[in-house]
Protein backbone atom coordinates (compact mmCIF):
# COMPACT_ATOMS: atom_id res chain seq x y z
CA MET A 1 20.70 -48.56 7.06
CA LEU A 2 19.93 -44.96 5.57
CA SER A 3 21.96 -41.82 6.59
CA CYS A 4 20.34 -38.79 7.62
CA HIS A 5 21.21 -36.96 4.55
CA SER A 6 20.00 -39.93 1.96
CA PRO A 7 17.84 -38.70 -0.74
CA THR A 8 15.03 -41.33 0.38
CA ASN A 9 15.22 -39.65 3.69
CA ARG A 10 14.89 -36.07 2.20
CA VAL A 11 11.87 -37.14 0.08
CA SER A 12 10.12 -38.70 3.17
CA LYS A 13 10.55 -35.45 5.09
CA ALA A 14 9.33 -33.47 2.06
CA VAL A 15 6.17 -35.61 1.90
CA GLY A 16 5.60 -35.35 5.55
CA VAL A 17 5.96 -31.57 5.41
CA LEU A 18 3.44 -31.62 2.17
CA LEU A 19 1.09 -33.76 4.31
CA LEU A 20 1.25 -31.77 7.24
CA ASP A 21 0.55 -28.32 5.37
CA ASN A 22 -2.31 -30.14 3.83
CA LEU A 23 -3.77 -31.23 7.04
CA LEU A 24 -3.47 -27.78 8.72
CA ASP A 25 -5.03 -26.06 5.59
CA THR A 26 -7.95 -28.35 5.45
CA SER A 27 -8.65 -28.67 9.21
CA GLU A 28 -12.31 -27.48 10.38
CA LEU A 29 -10.31 -25.35 12.91
CA GLY A 30 -9.26 -21.92 12.09
CA ILE A 31 -5.22 -21.93 12.86
CA LEU A 32 -3.01 -18.93 13.27
CA LEU A 33 0.78 -18.98 14.28
CA LEU A 34 2.25 -15.81 15.57
CA THR A 35 5.92 -15.47 16.17
CA GLY A 36 7.69 -13.01 18.29
CA TYR A 37 6.79 -11.25 21.57
CA GLY A 38 3.65 -9.37 22.90
CA SER A 39 2.49 -6.64 20.54
CA GLU A 40 5.38 -7.24 18.09
CA ARG A 41 4.44 -10.60 17.20
CA ARG A 42 3.48 -11.29 13.67
CA VAL A 43 1.70 -13.65 11.33
CA ALA A 44 3.76 -16.81 10.69
CA PHE A 45 1.03 -18.93 9.25
CA ALA A 46 -2.63 -18.88 9.01
CA ASN A 47 -4.59 -21.66 7.33
CA SER A 48 -7.61 -21.30 4.75
CA HIS A 49 -10.33 -21.60 7.52
CA PHE A 50 -9.08 -18.93 9.39
CA CYS A 51 -8.85 -16.73 6.26
CA MET A 52 -12.32 -17.52 5.50
CA LEU A 53 -13.95 -17.18 9.06
CA PHE A 54 -12.54 -13.52 8.75
CA GLY A 55 -12.71 -12.64 5.21
CA LEU A 56 -9.17 -12.11 4.66
CA ASP A 57 -6.60 -12.91 2.10
CA ASN A 58 -4.02 -15.41 3.16
CA THR A 59 -0.91 -13.79 1.00
CA ALA A 60 -1.88 -10.39 2.38
CA ILE A 61 -1.63 -10.96 5.99
CA GLN A 62 1.93 -13.00 5.90
CA ASP A 63 4.36 -11.33 8.34
CA LEU A 64 1.48 -8.74 9.50
CA GLU A 65 1.59 -7.59 12.86
CA VAL A 66 -1.10 -8.10 15.57
CA ALA A 67 -2.39 -4.83 15.60
CA ARG A 68 -2.86 -4.57 12.09
CA LEU A 69 -4.26 -8.15 11.89
CA CYS A 70 -7.08 -7.12 14.48
CA GLU A 71 -7.87 -4.08 12.42
CA LEU A 72 -8.63 -6.40 9.36
CA CYS A 73 -10.44 -8.72 11.56
CA ARG A 74 -13.01 -6.09 12.93
CA PRO A 75 -15.39 -5.92 9.98
CA ALA A 76 -16.04 -9.72 10.58
CA LEU A 77 -16.74 -9.33 14.35
CA ALA A 78 -20.61 -8.71 15.29
CA PRO A 79 -21.18 -5.12 16.27
CA SER A 80 -21.57 -5.80 19.93
CA PHE A 81 -18.05 -7.27 19.98
CA THR A 82 -14.49 -5.55 19.55
CA PRO A 83 -11.15 -7.09 18.78
CA GLY A 84 -9.97 -6.09 22.14
CA GLU A 85 -10.36 -9.78 23.79
CA MET A 86 -9.42 -11.17 20.42
CA GLU A 87 -6.00 -8.98 20.47
CA GLU A 88 -5.42 -9.98 24.14
CA GLY A 89 -5.22 -13.60 23.38
CA MET A 90 -2.75 -12.74 20.56
CA VAL A 91 -0.38 -10.78 22.75
CA ALA A 92 -0.71 -12.88 26.07
CA GLY A 93 2.31 -14.09 27.86
CA GLY A 94 0.50 -17.03 29.82
CA PRO A 95 0.52 -20.69 29.03
CA GLU A 96 -3.29 -20.35 27.66
CA HIS A 97 -5.70 -17.70 27.23
CA VAL A 98 -9.43 -18.37 25.97
CA CYS A 99 -12.24 -15.85 24.78
CA GLU A 100 -15.40 -16.16 22.91
CA PHE A 101 -16.84 -13.66 20.46
CA GLY A 102 -19.56 -13.19 18.07
CA MET A 103 -19.40 -12.94 14.07
CA GLY A 104 -21.20 -10.58 11.96
CA ASN A 105 -20.19 -11.81 8.70
CA HIS A 106 -21.61 -15.38 8.98
CA GLY A 107 -25.02 -14.58 10.52
CA HIS A 108 -25.03 -15.44 14.18
CA LEU A 109 -21.74 -17.41 14.32
CA PHE A 110 -19.91 -17.83 17.65
CA LEU A 111 -16.10 -18.72 17.98
CA ARG A 112 -14.04 -19.62 20.84
CA GLN A 113 -10.45 -18.55 20.51
CA ILE A 114 -7.85 -20.61 22.32
CA SER A 115 -4.40 -19.08 22.60
CA LYS A 116 -1.40 -21.31 23.76
CA ALA A 117 2.23 -20.50 24.26
CA ALA A 118 4.42 -21.77 21.19
CA THR A 119 7.86 -22.79 22.05
CA ASN A 120 11.13 -23.79 19.93
CA PRO A 121 12.82 -27.29 20.15
CA GLY A 122 14.65 -25.87 23.34
CA GLY A 123 11.50 -25.13 25.11
CA GLU A 124 11.95 -21.31 24.78
CA ALA A 125 8.91 -19.08 24.19
CA ALA A 126 8.44 -18.35 20.46
CA GLY A 127 5.12 -16.78 19.86
CA ARG A 128 1.30 -18.04 20.13
CA LEU A 129 -0.61 -20.92 18.66
CA LEU A 130 -4.14 -19.59 18.14
CA LEU A 131 -7.16 -22.30 17.34
CA TYR A 132 -10.49 -21.01 16.58
CA ARG A 133 -13.49 -23.26 16.87
CA ASP A 134 -17.09 -23.00 15.90
CA ILE A 135 -19.20 -22.97 19.26
CA THR A 136 -22.45 -22.05 17.52
CA LEU A 137 -24.38 -25.12 18.27
CA ASP A 138 -23.12 -25.30 21.85
CA ARG A 139 -24.24 -21.48 22.45
CA ARG A 140 -27.76 -22.32 20.77
CA ALA A 141 -28.23 -25.45 22.84
CA GLU A 142 -27.33 -23.19 26.12
CA GLU A 143 -29.98 -20.52 24.89
CA GLN A 144 -32.42 -23.27 24.15
CA LEU A 145 -32.11 -24.60 27.55
CA ALA A 146 -32.15 -20.96 29.12
CA HIS A 147 -35.27 -20.37 27.15
CA ARG A 148 -37.11 -23.56 28.16
CA GLN A 149 -36.16 -22.78 31.70
CA LYS A 150 -37.56 -19.27 31.52
CA MET A 151 -40.85 -20.50 30.04
CA GLU A 152 -41.23 -23.01 32.68
CA SER A 153 -40.52 -20.46 35.37
CA VAL A 154 -43.26 -18.15 33.81
CA GLY A 155 -45.62 -21.18 33.56
CA THR A 156 -45.06 -21.92 37.21
CA LEU A 157 -45.52 -18.61 38.33
CA ALA A 158 -48.76 -18.18 36.12
CA GLY A 159 -50.16 -21.36 37.44
CA GLY A 160 -49.24 -20.37 41.19
CA ILE A 161 -50.98 -17.07 40.60
CA ALA A 162 -54.03 -18.56 38.86
CA HIS A 163 -54.53 -21.20 41.93
CA ASP A 164 -54.33 -18.47 44.66
CA PHE A 165 -56.59 -16.06 42.59
CA ASN A 166 -59.13 -18.99 42.11
CA ASN A 167 -59.44 -19.55 45.95
CA ILE A 168 -59.94 -15.70 46.24
CA LEU A 169 -62.77 -16.03 43.58
CA THR A 170 -64.35 -18.87 45.03
CA ALA A 171 -64.99 -16.75 48.08
CA VAL A 172 -66.57 -14.12 46.05
CA PHE A 173 -68.72 -16.35 44.29
CA GLY A 174 -69.85 -17.80 47.62
CA TYR A 175 -70.47 -14.55 49.36
CA THR A 176 -71.99 -13.10 46.48
CA ASP A 177 -74.22 -16.13 46.18
CA ALA A 178 -75.32 -15.78 49.76
CA LEU A 179 -76.11 -12.11 49.63
CA LEU A 180 -78.29 -12.55 46.55
CA ASN A 181 -80.48 -15.03 48.42
CA ASP A 182 -80.44 -12.62 51.46
CA PHE A 183 -81.43 -9.38 49.37
CA ALA A 184 -83.64 -11.39 46.91
CA ASP A 185 -86.51 -8.82 47.22
CA ASN A 186 -84.26 -5.73 46.83
CA PRO A 187 -83.93 -5.15 43.10
CA ASP A 188 -81.29 -2.35 43.64
CA ALA A 189 -79.02 -4.63 45.75
CA THR A 190 -79.37 -7.82 43.30
CA GLU A 191 -78.16 -5.42 40.40
CA LYS A 192 -75.35 -4.44 42.09
CA LEU A 193 -74.36 -7.90 43.35
CA GLY A 194 -74.82 -9.21 39.69
CA GLN A 195 -72.54 -6.84 38.51
CA ILE A 196 -69.74 -8.20 40.92
CA GLN A 197 -70.55 -11.86 40.03
CA HIS A 198 -70.32 -10.65 36.38
CA SER A 199 -66.92 -9.10 37.16
CA ALA A 200 -66.12 -12.57 39.02
CA HIS A 201 -66.74 -14.39 36.03
CA ARG A 202 -64.60 -12.41 33.63
CA ALA A 203 -61.65 -12.77 36.30
CA ALA A 204 -62.42 -16.49 36.46
CA GLU A 205 -61.94 -16.51 32.46
CA LEU A 206 -58.61 -14.85 33.03
CA THR A 207 -57.20 -17.05 35.49
CA ALA A 208 -58.47 -20.14 33.40
CA ASN A 209 -56.47 -18.72 30.52
CA LEU A 210 -53.38 -18.20 32.85
CA LEU A 211 -53.72 -21.90 33.92
CA ALA A 212 -53.85 -23.03 30.25
CA PHE A 213 -50.70 -21.12 29.52
CA SER A 214 -48.91 -23.01 32.47
CA ARG A 215 -50.30 -26.39 31.35
CA LYS A 216 -47.49 -28.94 31.27
CA ASN A 217 -49.16 -31.77 29.62
CA PRO A 218 -47.96 -32.72 26.31
CA HIS A 219 -51.25 -32.81 24.16
CA LEU A 220 -54.68 -32.40 25.45
CA PRO A 221 -57.06 -32.29 22.66
CA GLN A 222 -60.73 -31.48 23.01
CA PRO A 223 -63.27 -29.71 21.35
CA VAL A 224 -62.56 -25.69 21.37
CA ASP A 225 -64.30 -22.80 20.23
CA LEU A 226 -61.42 -20.73 18.61
CA SER A 227 -63.37 -17.64 18.24
CA HIS A 228 -64.07 -17.70 21.99
CA LEU A 229 -60.17 -18.74 22.71
CA ALA A 230 -58.95 -15.90 20.37
CA ASP A 231 -61.30 -13.41 22.14
CA SER A 232 -60.23 -14.37 25.47
CA THR A 233 -56.54 -14.42 24.62
CA ALA A 234 -56.58 -11.02 23.17
CA ASN A 235 -58.40 -9.48 26.26
CA MET A 236 -56.04 -11.10 28.34
CA LEU A 237 -53.01 -9.56 26.60
CA MET A 238 -54.57 -6.15 25.93
CA PHE A 239 -53.46 -4.66 29.28
CA THR A 240 -50.11 -5.82 28.99
CA LEU A 241 -49.20 -3.77 25.88
CA PRO A 242 -47.28 -0.31 25.84
CA PRO A 243 -49.47 2.90 25.64
CA GLY A 244 -48.68 3.32 22.29
CA ILE A 245 -50.01 0.00 20.94
CA ARG A 246 -53.55 -0.74 20.54
CA LEU A 247 -54.99 -4.22 20.46
CA GLU A 248 -58.19 -4.47 18.41
CA ILE A 249 -60.62 -7.38 18.56
CA GLY A 250 -62.29 -7.49 14.97
CA ALA A 251 -64.80 -9.93 13.72
CA MET A 252 -65.16 -13.04 15.70
CA ASP A 253 -67.25 -15.23 13.41
CA PRO A 254 -69.09 -18.03 14.91
CA LEU A 255 -67.24 -21.07 13.80
CA PRO A 256 -67.47 -24.88 13.98
CA MET A 257 -65.39 -26.40 16.71
CA VAL A 258 -61.85 -27.47 16.21
CA GLN A 259 -60.08 -30.40 17.95
CA ALA A 260 -57.27 -28.54 19.86
CA ASP A 261 -55.46 -28.40 23.24
CA PRO A 262 -56.71 -24.99 24.52
CA GLY A 263 -53.50 -24.48 26.46
CA GLN A 264 -51.17 -25.15 23.33
CA ILE A 265 -53.10 -22.90 20.73
CA GLN A 266 -53.39 -20.06 23.26
CA GLN A 267 -49.70 -20.02 23.68
CA VAL A 268 -49.35 -19.81 19.62
CA LEU A 269 -51.70 -16.73 19.64
CA THR A 270 -49.81 -15.25 22.55
CA GLN A 271 -46.55 -15.80 20.88
CA ILE A 272 -47.69 -14.17 17.56
CA ILE A 273 -49.16 -11.14 19.36
CA ILE A 274 -46.03 -10.82 21.43
CA ASN A 275 -44.03 -10.85 18.00
CA ALA A 276 -46.37 -8.25 16.40
CA ARG A 277 -45.96 -5.82 19.67
CA GLU A 278 -42.18 -6.22 19.19
CA ALA A 279 -42.35 -5.47 15.59
CA ILE A 280 -44.19 -2.16 16.31
CA ILE A 281 -41.97 0.93 17.03
CA GLU A 282 -43.38 3.25 19.46
CA GLU A 283 -47.16 3.45 18.08
CA GLY A 284 -49.27 1.08 16.03
CA ASN A 285 -52.27 -1.40 15.95
CA ILE A 286 -52.56 -5.08 16.36
CA ARG A 287 -55.81 -6.80 15.14
CA VAL A 288 -57.10 -10.03 16.07
CA SER A 289 -59.96 -11.48 14.09
CA THR A 290 -61.41 -14.88 13.12
CA ARG A 291 -63.17 -16.46 10.04
CA LEU A 292 -63.90 -19.89 8.24
CA GLY A 293 -61.39 -20.55 5.30
CA VAL A 294 -60.23 -23.38 3.13
CA ASP A 295 -56.73 -24.66 2.15
CA SER A 296 -56.06 -22.21 -0.91
CA GLN A 297 -53.36 -24.90 -1.97
CA ALA A 298 -56.00 -27.92 -2.51
CA SER A 299 -56.51 -28.83 -5.98
CA LYS A 300 -59.74 -29.21 -7.98
CA ASP A 301 -59.66 -32.86 -7.70
CA ALA A 302 -59.35 -32.82 -3.91
CA PRO A 303 -61.58 -29.91 -2.43
CA GLY A 304 -59.79 -28.14 0.49
CA LEU A 305 -60.83 -28.92 4.10
CA ARG A 306 -62.67 -26.43 5.88
CA TYR A 307 -60.60 -24.38 8.59
CA ALA A 308 -61.04 -22.16 11.63
CA VAL A 309 -58.63 -19.31 10.89
CA VAL A 310 -57.18 -16.81 13.28
CA ASP A 311 -55.83 -13.52 11.60
CA ILE A 312 -53.38 -11.59 13.62
CA GLU A 313 -52.48 -8.39 11.78
CA ASP A 314 -49.91 -5.91 12.81
CA THR A 315 -48.58 -2.30 11.59
CA GLY A 316 -44.85 -3.02 12.37
CA VAL A 317 -41.84 -2.90 10.53
CA GLY A 318 -42.53 -6.13 8.34
CA ILE A 319 -40.35 -8.88 7.29
CA PRO A 320 -37.78 -8.71 4.64
CA PRO A 321 -38.75 -11.13 1.51
CA ASP A 322 -35.80 -13.25 2.03
CA SER A 323 -36.73 -13.87 5.66
CA VAL A 324 -40.32 -14.81 5.35
CA SER A 325 -39.63 -18.53 4.23
CA ARG A 326 -37.18 -18.94 7.42
CA ILE A 327 -39.06 -17.32 10.16
CA PHE A 328 -40.25 -20.59 11.40
CA GLU A 329 -36.80 -22.32 11.46
CA PRO A 330 -35.18 -23.01 15.02
CA PHE A 331 -33.03 -20.48 16.11
CA TYR A 332 -33.53 -17.95 13.23
CA THR A 333 -34.40 -14.61 14.41
CA THR A 334 -34.60 -11.00 12.50
CA LYS A 335 -34.03 -9.37 15.81
CA GLY A 336 -30.86 -8.20 17.52
CA PRO A 337 -28.54 -10.85 19.28
CA ASP A 338 -29.80 -9.62 22.64
CA LYS A 339 -33.44 -9.47 21.96
CA GLY A 340 -34.49 -13.19 21.02
CA VAL A 341 -32.96 -16.69 20.29
CA GLY A 342 -35.52 -17.46 17.63
CA LEU A 343 -37.46 -20.30 19.32
CA GLY A 344 -40.94 -18.51 19.62
CA LEU A 345 -42.09 -19.13 16.16
CA SER A 346 -40.60 -22.50 15.65
CA MET A 347 -42.58 -23.44 18.59
CA VAL A 348 -45.87 -22.12 16.90
CA TYR A 349 -44.87 -24.11 13.88
CA GLY A 350 -44.36 -27.32 15.59
CA VAL A 351 -47.96 -26.73 17.84
CA VAL A 352 -49.84 -25.99 14.48
CA LYS A 353 -48.56 -28.67 12.76
CA GLN A 354 -49.27 -31.30 15.73
CA HIS A 355 -52.88 -29.99 15.23
CA ARG A 356 -52.75 -30.84 11.59
CA GLY A 357 -53.07 -27.08 10.58
CA PHE A 358 -50.97 -24.65 8.77
CA ILE A 359 -49.86 -21.21 9.12
CA GLU A 360 -49.95 -18.31 6.15
CA VAL A 361 -47.62 -15.23 6.35
CA GLU A 362 -48.11 -12.19 4.48
CA SER A 363 -45.62 -9.36 4.94
CA ALA A 364 -43.30 -6.64 3.31
CA PRO A 365 -40.82 -4.17 4.76
CA ASN A 366 -42.41 -0.97 6.37
CA ALA A 367 -45.87 -2.55 5.57
CA GLY A 368 -46.70 -4.53 8.69
CA SER A 369 -47.45 -8.46 8.70
CA ARG A 370 -50.18 -10.91 8.79
CA PHE A 371 -50.32 -14.36 10.46
CA SER A 372 -53.12 -16.63 9.52
CA VAL A 373 -53.36 -19.85 11.78
CA TYR A 374 -55.43 -22.36 10.04
CA LEU A 375 -57.08 -25.33 12.22
CA PRO A 376 -59.09 -28.02 10.39
CA VAL A 377 -62.87 -27.90 11.99
CA MET A 378 -64.18 -30.96 13.51
CA ASN A 379 -67.19 -33.12 11.43
CA PRO A 380 -70.37 -32.23 12.71
CA GLN A 381 -71.40 -34.57 15.44
CA PRO A 382 -75.20 -35.44 16.18
CA ALA A 383 -76.67 -33.42 19.01
CA ARG A 384 -76.82 -35.40 22.24
CA GLU A 385 -79.53 -34.91 24.68
CA ILE A 386 -77.83 -33.62 27.96
CA THR A 387 -79.50 -34.62 31.19
CA THR A 388 -78.54 -33.30 34.32
CA PRO A 389 -79.36 -35.87 37.32
CA PRO A 390 -81.65 -34.77 39.61
CA PRO A 391 -80.90 -33.68 43.26
CA ALA A 392 -81.21 -36.48 45.86
CA PRO A 393 -82.36 -34.61 48.92
CA ASP A 394 -83.08 -37.81 50.86
CA ALA A 395 -79.38 -39.09 50.36
CA LEU A 396 -78.09 -35.71 51.16
CA LYS A 397 -80.23 -35.20 54.35
CA SER A 398 -78.80 -38.33 55.90
CA ALA A 399 -75.18 -37.91 54.70
CA CYS A 400 -72.25 -36.65 56.61
CA VAL A 401 -69.44 -34.79 54.97
CA LEU A 402 -65.87 -33.77 55.86
CA VAL A 403 -64.75 -30.61 54.17
CA VAL A 404 -60.85 -30.37 54.05
CA GLU A 405 -59.74 -26.68 52.97
CA ASP A 406 -56.80 -24.57 54.18
CA GLU A 407 -58.69 -21.18 53.16
CA GLY A 408 -60.88 -20.25 56.03
CA ASP A 409 -63.45 -18.24 54.09
CA ILE A 410 -63.98 -21.34 51.59
CA ARG A 411 -64.06 -23.71 54.13
CA GLU A 412 -66.97 -21.71 56.08
CA LEU A 413 -68.81 -21.35 52.56
CA ALA A 414 -68.64 -25.04 51.87
CA ALA A 415 -69.82 -25.80 55.28
CA ALA A 416 -72.45 -23.39 55.49
CA ALA A 417 -73.90 -24.47 52.06
CA LEU A 418 -73.52 -28.25 52.85
CA GLY A 419 -74.73 -27.92 56.20
CA GLY A 420 -78.33 -26.74 55.12
CA MET A 421 -78.74 -30.05 53.34
CA CYS A 422 -76.72 -32.58 55.00
CA ARG A 423 -76.92 -34.36 58.46
CA GLU A 424 -73.54 -33.28 59.56
CA VAL A 425 -70.44 -31.33 58.31
CA PHE A 426 -67.15 -31.65 59.74
CA THR A 427 -64.35 -29.42 58.84
CA ALA A 428 -60.49 -29.35 58.74
CA GLY A 429 -57.66 -26.77 57.68
CA ASP A 430 -55.23 -29.31 56.47
CA GLY A 431 -54.38 -32.68 55.79
CA ILE A 432 -53.31 -33.61 59.55
CA GLU A 433 -56.39 -32.45 61.14
CA ALA A 434 -58.52 -34.23 58.39
CA LEU A 435 -56.80 -37.46 59.18
CA LYS A 436 -57.83 -36.95 63.04
CA ILE A 437 -61.34 -36.39 62.34
CA PHE A 438 -61.37 -39.16 59.76
CA ARG A 439 -59.81 -41.76 62.05
CA THR A 440 -62.61 -40.71 64.66
CA HIS A 441 -65.60 -40.82 62.44
CA SER A 442 -64.44 -43.05 59.48
CA ALA A 443 -67.55 -45.20 59.88
CA GLU A 444 -70.00 -42.22 59.58
CA ILE A 445 -68.24 -40.00 56.93
CA ASP A 446 -69.93 -40.40 53.68
CA LEU A 447 -68.25 -37.97 51.54
CA VAL A 448 -64.97 -36.02 51.92
CA LEU A 449 -64.39 -32.70 49.81
CA LEU A 450 -60.57 -32.70 49.80
CA ASP A 451 -58.66 -29.64 48.48
CA LEU A 452 -55.36 -30.70 46.64
CA THR A 453 -53.07 -28.04 47.45
CA MET A 454 -52.36 -27.34 51.24
CA PRO A 455 -49.44 -26.44 53.53
CA GLY A 456 -47.96 -29.38 55.50
CA MET A 457 -49.94 -32.53 54.28
CA GLY A 458 -51.28 -31.99 50.79
CA GLY A 459 -54.33 -33.55 49.42
CA ALA A 460 -52.59 -36.42 47.47
CA ASP A 461 -50.89 -37.68 50.74
CA CYS A 462 -54.30 -37.37 52.85
CA TYR A 463 -56.11 -39.21 50.26
CA ARG A 464 -53.52 -42.11 50.39
CA GLU A 465 -53.67 -42.16 54.50
CA MET A 466 -57.63 -42.00 54.28
CA CYS A 467 -57.68 -45.12 51.65
CA GLU A 468 -55.32 -46.97 54.21
CA ILE A 469 -57.89 -46.18 57.18
CA ARG A 470 -60.99 -47.06 55.14
CA PRO A 471 -60.35 -48.32 51.32
CA ASP A 472 -63.86 -47.49 50.06
CA VAL A 473 -63.66 -43.93 51.30
CA ARG A 474 -65.62 -41.56 48.78
CA VAL A 475 -63.58 -38.25 47.98
CA MET A 476 -64.37 -35.55 45.75
CA VAL A 477 -61.20 -33.70 44.69
CA CYS A 478 -61.21 -29.67 44.93
CA SER A 479 -58.68 -27.74 43.31
CA GLY A 480 -57.74 -24.21 41.76
CA TYR A 481 -55.60 -25.83 39.04
CA ALA A 482 -57.02 -27.42 35.98
CA GLU A 483 -58.00 -31.18 36.56
CA GLU A 484 -55.46 -32.85 34.47
CA MET A 485 -52.70 -30.64 36.27
CA GLY A 486 -53.28 -32.07 39.87
CA ALA A 487 -56.13 -34.46 40.21
CA SER A 488 -55.78 -36.99 37.50
CA ASP A 489 -53.58 -39.17 39.55
CA ILE A 490 -56.12 -39.30 42.51
CA LEU A 491 -59.06 -39.73 40.21
CA ALA A 492 -57.23 -42.72 38.70
CA ARG A 493 -56.68 -43.98 42.08
CA GLY A 494 -60.42 -44.13 42.90
CA ALA A 495 -61.66 -40.45 43.88
CA ILE A 496 -65.17 -39.89 42.56
CA GLY A 497 -65.24 -36.62 41.12
CA PHE A 498 -63.63 -33.07 40.60
CA VAL A 499 -64.67 -29.61 41.58
CA SER A 500 -62.67 -26.89 39.77
CA LYS A 501 -62.24 -23.62 41.61
CA PRO A 502 -63.65 -21.16 41.56
CA TYR A 503 -67.06 -22.68 42.07
CA THR A 504 -70.49 -21.12 43.04
CA ILE A 505 -72.60 -22.61 45.77
CA GLU A 506 -74.83 -23.72 43.49
CA THR A 507 -72.23 -25.78 41.35
CA LEU A 508 -70.83 -27.33 44.65
CA ILE A 509 -74.35 -28.46 45.71
CA ARG A 510 -75.19 -30.00 42.39
CA ARG A 511 -71.88 -31.82 42.32
CA VAL A 512 -72.20 -33.14 45.81
CA ALA A 513 -75.70 -34.27 44.87
CA GLU A 514 -74.64 -35.74 41.66
CA SER A 515 -72.20 -37.83 43.53
CA PHE A 516 -74.92 -39.32 45.66
CA VAL A 517 -77.26 -40.06 42.75
CA ALA A 518 -74.31 -41.89 40.87
CA GLU A 519 -73.77 -44.02 43.81
CA SER A 520 -77.34 -44.85 44.43
CA LYS A 521 -77.62 -46.10 40.77
CA PRO A 522 -77.28 -50.17 40.64
């Protein structure tokens, strides 16, 4: 048996101390041990990671008192943080103290300082043990979640506003059409009504942009006129800019169509314009234009594809050369810590890549920036003859239609428009009332014009109940939201068509007539 003073035991202790020192010094945690009491505490041990985090020399801080240590740590902290909380943890008297602070010497690094009471073998307080853990990824995950939740809230709000506004515009279109018919022989009146109608169409384009922005579907590609989309996006954002910033719409060249999700591309353009706005101090210009381009990186043996290009230029502060290559990285931002989380341009990059496009950036400090979004154009398709089904007056004259709409003015307009062509029109202000009418007259109702968004029982539940009463019920869905944002499920279950608000009387009558023509075909 070895005694406690044997050479072998002394060697084992020395090896243990060496291993412990090596373990502490190579730890991924910053470790600081202070001895003494309160503000009189001094540095007893600091590992290499702690010194690296704060840019300190290990030998220079040994036996240093707390106040002086915090002064040396101050330059490493982000400008918005002071060493006050850090020092509080060092002089704390409780069992544990936790605080978080940002670092300025390592980019946007965040540390959590955990301060615990250190005791001697007798259990008496002997100082503080402080551990410093990098929580940057945790912070970024929290910021990313908050950003997503904010964008979802903004999208939901935008979609709700657009839906309600589309209901209002439907009434404007309907009554304007009615007045145009009443005053057909009065040129002065028809000219003024035409101006109202033109303004209503412009408002409808704005609500369509809002709906596209709020769209939650992952990817809905379709042929898109990029010049028209860029023009409408710029017009939508023009009135959101501060007075000193001017948004100019440059050349909008006629371009071949691109296969794209209009909502996602609009978000891309919106984000770049917002970035341009934030790069301008007080006064400046933003210019949006389109052109046809080619891939400048293509080799001679592989000629470049043709691209529809949107150029967004600003007269802002510009981007430093060493940052241009990093601006599309997630969480990278040249803004202050309270002005952005660095996710906007990474979203832009991801969407453009998903569309098989790319982005070119030209910028220099104090010389502004230009972002060019390249999207490949579609191959030309042979022209197809578009035929509009002729109206079916005989089918409509004998038809019975149920109009289900919670907005009274729209309900009256639809009933009046269809009443002049159909045998009978029933109206209901919500799903419950619609079901009562349908149960009584299900055998004679030939078509239900059903609004999706109603208080109480909505359109989806109402449709399901109607199908149980009469499985072959013919329903045309109506909504102020885009078709794929609410009607796709009902259409998949058998609804015969969709009418998007705002609609004109002419559009409503044509869609209803077309549904009877389609039904009559063998």
